[in-house]
């Protein structure tokens, strides 16, 4: 009876020790922006499917998300790098915040 408990304890302690050493890389502000853009599109699709948005409303909101994405691409080209400045990220996030508020809640 004591031997299985000891084996279980050793296995669990090894698992915890291994998991503690694994770190999850932090997401950059640009990666978080990409996630927000995807989530916004998913939310629009979900709201259209459940009837919270009409097809026309969903189309208009998707166009606004796409406009923000195009602004991100233009900013990247302007910087001639694969990164955005903090100011650009803040501006894009503000645009997403405004967009989020314009999605009707029923």
C-alpha atoms as a PDB file:
ATOM      1  CA  UNK A   1       0.000   0.000   0.000  1.00  0.00           C
ATOM      2  CA  UNK A   2       2.833   2.398   0.797  1.00  0.00           C
ATOM      3  CA  UNK A   3       4.761   1.600  -2.382  1.00  0.00           C
ATOM      4  CA  UNK A   4       2.022   2.736  -4.855  1.00  0.00           C
ATOM      5  CA  UNK A   5       1.565   5.954  -2.868  1.00  0.00           C
ATOM      6  CA  UNK A   6       5.310   6.579  -2.964  1.00  0.00           C
ATOM      7  CA  UNK A   7       5.439   5.959  -6.717  1.00  0.00           C
ATOM      8  CA  UNK A   8       2.489   8.296  -7.264  1.00  0.00           C
ATOM      9  CA  UNK A   9       4.166  10.975  -5.153  1.00  0.00           C
ATOM     10  CA  UNK A  10       7.409  10.685  -7.129  1.00  0.00           C
ATOM     11  CA  UNK A  11       5.622  10.858 -10.477  1.00  0.00           C
ATOM     12  CA  UNK A  12       3.605  13.896  -9.443  1.00  0.00           C
ATOM     13  CA  UNK A  13       6.598  15.711  -7.998  1.00  0.00           C
ATOM     14  CA  UNK A  14       8.572  15.109 -11.208  1.00  0.00           C
ATOM     15  CA  UNK A  15       5.669  16.414 -13.287  1.00  0.00           C
ATOM     16  CA  UNK A  16       5.398  19.552 -11.190  1.00  0.00           C
ATOM     17  CA  UNK A  17       9.140  20.138 -11.285  1.00  0.00           C
ATOM     18  CA  UNK A  18       9.165  19.815 -15.068  1.00  0.00           C
ATOM     19  CA  UNK A  19       6.136  22.061 -15.541  1.00  0.00           C
ATOM     20  CA  UNK A  20       7.640  24.743 -13.310  1.00  0.00           C
ATOM     21  CA  UNK A  21      10.656  24.985 -15.611  1.00  0.00           C
ATOM     22  CA  UNK A  22       8.559  25.534 -18.740  1.00  0.00           C
ATOM     23  CA  UNK A  23       7.802  29.163 -19.423  1.00  0.00           C
ATOM     24  CA  UNK A  24       5.195  30.482 -21.807  1.00  0.00           C
ATOM     25  CA  UNK A  25       6.562  33.341 -23.885  1.00  0.00           C
ATOM     26  CA  UNK A  26       4.799  36.643 -23.342  1.00  0.00           C
ATOM     27  CA  UNK A  27       2.897  38.003 -26.306  1.00  0.00           C
ATOM     28  CA  UNK A  28       4.103  41.240 -27.824  1.00  0.00           C
ATOM     29  CA  UNK A  29       1.683  44.159 -28.198  1.00  0.00           C
ATOM     30  CA  UNK A  30       1.589  43.513 -31.954  1.00  0.00           C
ATOM     31  CA  UNK A  31       0.629  39.864 -31.363  1.00  0.00           C
ATOM     32  CA  UNK A  32      -2.097  40.952 -28.949  1.00  0.00           C
ATOM     33  CA  UNK A  33      -3.395  43.319 -31.619  1.00  0.00           C
ATOM     34  CA  UNK A  34      -3.590  40.448 -34.125  1.00  0.00           C
ATOM     35  CA  UNK A  35      -5.499  38.367 -31.595  1.00  0.00           C
ATOM     36  CA  UNK A  36      -7.952  41.216 -31.008  1.00  0.00           C
ATOM     37  CA  UNK A  37      -8.553  41.595 -34.745  1.00  0.00           C
ATOM     38  CA  UNK A  38      -9.312  37.873 -35.085  1.00  0.00           C
ATOM     39  CA  UNK A  39     -11.527  37.876 -32.001  1.00  0.00           C
ATOM     40  CA  UNK A  40     -13.441  40.876 -33.289  1.00  0.00           C
ATOM     41  CA  UNK A  41     -14.212  39.091 -36.566  1.00  0.00           C
ATOM     42  CA  UNK A  42     -15.246  35.956 -34.686  1.00  0.00           C
ATOM     43  CA  UNK A  43     -17.567  37.979 -32.437  1.00  0.00           C
ATOM     44  CA  UNK A  44     -19.162  39.690 -35.436  1.00  0.00           C
ATOM     45  CA  UNK A  45     -19.756  36.324 -37.112  1.00  0.00           C
ATOM     46  CA  UNK A  46     -21.189  34.892 -33.903  1.00  0.00           C
ATOM     47  CA  UNK A  47     -23.510  37.864 -33.409  1.00  0.00           C
ATOM     48  CA  UNK A  48     -24.696  37.658 -37.003  1.00  0.00           C
ATOM     49  CA  UNK A  49     -25.380  33.953 -36.656  1.00  0.00           C
ATOM     50  CA  UNK A  50     -27.385  34.424 -33.444  1.00  0.00           C
ATOM     51  CA  UNK A  51     -29.376  37.306 -34.899  1.00  0.00           C
ATOM     52  CA  UNK A  52     -27.887  40.090 -32.787  1.00  0.00           C
ATOM     53  CA  UNK A  53     -26.634  41.682 -36.001  1.00  0.00           C
ATOM     54  CA  UNK A  54     -28.218  41.872 -39.408  1.00  0.00           C
ATOM     55  CA  UNK A  55     -26.237  40.802 -42.432  1.00  0.00           C
ATOM     56  CA  UNK A  56     -25.755  44.466 -43.406  1.00  0.00           C
ATOM     57  CA  UNK A  57     -24.553  45.405 -39.910  1.00  0.00           C
ATOM     58  CA  UNK A  58     -22.113  42.496 -39.851  1.00  0.00           C
ATOM     59  CA  UNK A  59     -20.781  43.440 -43.277  1.00  0.00           C
ATOM     60  CA  UNK A  60     -20.215  47.043 -42.188  1.00  0.00           C
ATOM     61  CA  UNK A  61     -18.461  45.975 -38.975  1.00  0.00           C
ATOM     62  CA  UNK A  62     -16.266  43.482 -40.839  1.00  0.00           C
ATOM     63  CA  UNK A  63     -15.301  46.286 -43.226  1.00  0.00           C
ATOM     64  CA  UNK A  64     -14.250  48.410 -40.243  1.00  0.00           C
ATOM     65  CA  UNK A  65     -12.129  45.547 -38.867  1.00  0.00           C
ATOM     66  CA  UNK A  66     -10.538  45.162 -42.299  1.00  0.00           C
ATOM     67  CA  UNK A  67      -9.836  48.904 -42.428  1.00  0.00           C
ATOM     68  CA  UNK A  68      -7.987  48.637 -39.108  1.00  0.00           C
ATOM     69  CA  UNK A  69      -6.020  45.680 -40.467  1.00  0.00           C
ATOM     70  CA  UNK A  70      -5.142  47.658 -43.608  1.00  0.00           C
ATOM     71  CA  UNK A  71      -3.985  50.549 -41.414  1.00  0.00           C
ATOM     72  CA  UNK A  72      -1.741  48.122 -39.545  1.00  0.00           C
ATOM     73  CA  UNK A  73      -0.243  46.948 -42.851  1.00  0.00           C
ATOM     74  CA  UNK A  74       0.270  50.551 -43.980  1.00  0.00           C
ATOM     75  CA  UNK A  75       2.012  51.355 -40.686  1.00  0.00           C
ATOM     76  CA  UNK A  76       4.313  48.360 -41.088  1.00  0.00           C
ATOM     77  CA  UNK A  77       5.212  49.471 -44.614  1.00  0.00           C
ATOM     78  CA  UNK A  78       5.780  53.016 -43.418  1.00  0.00           C
ATOM     79  CA  UNK A  79       8.173  51.764 -40.726  1.00  0.00           C
ATOM     80  CA  UNK A  80       9.914  49.526 -43.275  1.00  0.00           C
ATOM     81  CA  UNK A  81      10.140  46.896 -40.527  1.00  0.00           C
ATOM     82  CA  UNK A  82       8.126  44.005 -39.160  1.00  0.00           C
ATOM     83  CA  UNK A  83       7.235  45.956 -36.018  1.00  0.00           C
ATOM     84  CA  UNK A  84       4.878  48.731 -35.054  1.00  0.00           C
ATOM     85  CA  UNK A  85       5.689  51.663 -32.820  1.00  0.00           C
ATOM     86  CA  UNK A  86       3.993  51.964 -29.444  1.00  0.00           C
ATOM     87  CA  UNK A  87       2.063  54.954 -30.757  1.00  0.00           C
ATOM     88  CA  UNK A  88       0.798  53.003 -33.769  1.00  0.00           C
ATOM     89  CA  UNK A  89      -0.282  50.084 -31.585  1.00  0.00           C
ATOM     90  CA  UNK A  90      -2.089  52.468 -29.225  1.00  0.00           C
ATOM     91  CA  UNK A  91      -3.911  54.091 -32.146  1.00  0.00           C
ATOM     92  CA  UNK A  92      -4.976  50.744 -33.617  1.00  0.00           C
ATOM     93  CA  UNK A  93      -6.127  49.504 -30.208  1.00  0.00           C
ATOM     94  CA  UNK A  94      -8.149  52.682 -29.734  1.00  0.00           C
ATOM     95  CA  UNK A  95      -9.825  52.069 -33.086  1.00  0.00           C
ATOM     96  CA  UNK A  96     -10.659  48.515 -31.977  1.00  0.00           C
ATOM     97  CA  UNK A  97     -12.028  49.836 -28.682  1.00  0.00           C
ATOM     98  CA  UNK A  98     -14.326  52.200 -30.570  1.00  0.00           C
ATOM     99  CA  UNK A  99     -15.402  49.386 -32.866  1.00  0.00           C
ATOM    100  CA  UNK A 100     -16.142  47.099 -29.911  1.00  0.00           C
ATOM    101  CA  UNK A 101     -18.447  49.722 -28.424  1.00  0.00           C
ATOM    102  CA  UNK A 102     -20.367  50.017 -31.675  1.00  0.00           C
ATOM    103  CA  UNK A 103     -21.416  46.361 -31.720  1.00  0.00           C
ATOM    104  CA  UNK A 104     -24.984  46.319 -30.403  1.00  0.00           C
ATOM    105  CA  UNK A 105     -25.775  44.356 -27.288  1.00  0.00           C
ATOM    106  CA  UNK A 106     -29.231  42.767 -27.256  1.00  0.00           C
END
